[in-house]
Amino acid sequence: MKKIGGALTVLILSVLLGGCATSSRDMNYMNQGFDELSNGNFKKAEEYLEKALSINPDNLYAILNMGVVYQNTGRPEKAREMYQKVIDRESKSPASRSNKDWAVGEKLAEIARKNLENL
């Protein structure tokens, strides 16, 4: 995949197996947001990620990807806030898919740290 916005930003996608209906709905929106991010459609990505976060404000995948949206739309302070949320939770959840090969299998907190360094 191409670099988005000239920054080394990493967006991630995780597929949850099973789970409750709420998790399924927020992950569906998160997945749509990821697809829009992958295509460089930041406005639409933000809409989907906001929906995911309105259902589950603790969805670390959506939080991390929202940081990517903010980073690529000229809102570095908001991006920092999103990345810091993921870092503070020391998420051990891995990225199962990413726009960067090195990030696949990486912990979300590590991806957030690397994105933060590149702000």
Protein backbone atom coordinates (compact mmCIF):
# COMPACT_ATOMS: atom_id res chain seq x y z
CA MET A 1 0.00 0.00 0.00
CA LYS A 2 1.02 3.57 -0.52
CA LYS A 3 2.05 6.02 2.17
CA ILE A 4 -0.88 8.14 3.21
CA GLY A 5 -0.27 11.84 3.61
CA GLY A 6 3.49 11.44 3.36
CA ALA A 7 3.73 10.25 6.97
CA LEU A 8 4.71 6.80 8.11
CA THR A 9 1.32 6.08 9.55
CA VAL A 10 0.03 2.65 10.23
CA LEU A 11 -3.58 1.78 10.12
CA ILE A 12 -4.71 -1.55 11.39
CA LEU A 13 -7.58 -3.94 11.14
CA SER A 14 -8.45 -6.80 13.36
CA VAL A 15 -11.14 -9.36 12.77
CA LEU A 16 -12.89 -10.51 15.91
CA LEU A 17 -14.20 -14.04 15.96
CA GLY A 18 -17.41 -14.35 17.88
CA GLY A 19 -18.23 -11.77 20.53
CA CYS A 20 -21.40 -9.94 21.37
CA ALA A 21 -23.59 -7.96 18.98
CA THR A 22 -22.18 -4.64 20.20
CA SER A 23 -18.63 -5.75 19.45
CA SER A 24 -19.73 -6.94 16.06
CA ARG A 25 -21.40 -3.63 15.21
CA ASP A 26 -18.50 -1.46 16.35
CA MET A 27 -16.02 -3.69 14.52
CA ASN A 28 -18.14 -3.53 11.37
CA TYR A 29 -17.90 0.26 11.45
CA MET A 30 -14.20 0.05 12.31
CA ASN A 31 -13.63 -2.25 9.32
CA GLN A 32 -15.44 0.18 7.03
CA GLY A 33 -13.31 2.99 8.43
CA PHE A 34 -10.17 0.97 7.76
CA ASP A 35 -11.25 0.39 4.16
CA GLU A 36 -11.85 4.11 3.66
CA LEU A 37 -8.47 4.93 5.24
CA SER A 38 -6.81 2.45 2.92
CA ASN A 39 -8.31 4.34 0.00
CA GLY A 40 -7.33 7.76 1.37
CA ASN A 41 -10.95 8.76 2.05
CA PHE A 42 -10.32 10.41 5.41
CA LYS A 43 -13.68 12.13 5.82
CA LYS A 44 -15.63 8.94 5.27
CA ALA A 45 -13.16 6.96 7.43
CA GLU A 46 -13.68 9.44 10.25
CA GLU A 47 -17.46 9.04 10.01
CA TYR A 48 -17.25 5.26 10.31
CA LEU A 49 -14.70 5.37 13.12
CA GLU A 50 -16.83 7.87 15.05
CA LYS A 51 -19.75 5.44 14.75
CA ALA A 52 -17.56 2.60 16.03
CA LEU A 53 -16.41 4.69 18.97
CA SER A 54 -19.96 5.82 19.79
CA ILE A 55 -20.86 2.15 20.23
CA ASN A 56 -17.65 1.15 21.98
CA PRO A 57 -15.44 4.04 23.16
CA ASP A 58 -12.80 1.48 24.22
CA ASN A 59 -12.30 -0.02 20.75
CA LEU A 60 -8.52 0.37 20.55
CA TYR A 61 -8.45 -0.49 16.85
CA ALA A 62 -10.84 2.38 16.12
CA ILE A 63 -8.92 4.70 18.45
CA LEU A 64 -5.63 3.94 16.72
CA ASN A 65 -7.14 4.37 13.26
CA MET A 66 -8.77 7.64 14.34
CA GLY A 67 -5.27 8.81 15.25
CA VAL A 68 -4.23 8.02 11.68
CA VAL A 69 -7.16 10.07 10.35
CA TYR A 70 -6.19 13.01 12.55
CA GLN A 71 -2.53 12.71 11.62
CA ASN A 72 -3.32 12.76 7.92
CA THR A 73 -5.79 15.63 8.13
CA GLY A 74 -3.58 18.14 9.89
CA ARG A 75 -4.73 17.59 13.48
CA PRO A 76 -1.55 16.39 15.21
CA GLU A 77 -2.73 17.16 18.75
CA LYS A 78 -5.82 14.99 18.33
CA ALA A 79 -3.64 12.28 16.75
CA ARG A 80 -1.31 12.39 19.77
CA GLU A 81 -4.31 12.05 22.08
CA MET A 82 -5.55 8.95 20.24
CA TYR A 83 -2.12 7.32 20.12
CA GLN A 84 -1.55 8.07 23.80
CA LYS A 85 -4.85 6.39 24.71
CA VAL A 86 -3.67 3.19 23.03
CA ILE A 87 -0.22 3.43 24.67
CA ASP A 88 -1.70 4.12 28.12
CA ARG A 89 -3.75 0.94 27.92
CA GLU A 90 -0.63 -1.04 26.95
CA SER A 91 -2.74 -3.02 24.55
CA LYS A 92 -1.31 -6.42 23.81
CA SER A 93 -3.86 -6.95 21.06
CA PRO A 94 -2.09 -7.58 17.76
CA ALA A 95 -2.80 -6.09 14.36
CA SER A 96 -3.94 -8.88 12.08
CA ARG A 97 -3.82 -6.68 8.97
CA SER A 98 -2.07 -3.41 8.26
CA ASN A 99 -0.89 -1.13 5.49
CA LYS A 100 2.69 -1.84 6.63
CA ASP A 101 4.06 -5.39 6.64
CA TRP A 102 6.14 -4.80 9.79
CA ALA A 103 2.99 -3.98 11.78
CA VAL A 104 1.17 -7.26 11.17
CA GLY A 105 1.28 -9.15 14.45
CA GLU A 106 2.64 -6.09 16.34
CA LYS A 107 0.93 -4.98 19.54
CA LEU A 108 -1.31 -1.96 19.11
CA ALA A 109 0.63 -0.01 21.74
CA GLU A 110 3.85 -0.48 19.75
CA ILE A 111 2.20 0.68 16.55
CA ALA A 112 0.83 3.73 18.37
CA ARG A 113 4.32 4.51 19.73
CA LYS A 114 5.82 4.38 16.24
CA ASN A 115 3.05 6.56 14.80
CA LEU A 116 3.54 9.02 17.64
CA GLU A 117 7.26 9.23 16.92
CA ASN A 118 6.45 10.17 13.32
CA LEU A 119 4.14 13.06 14.15
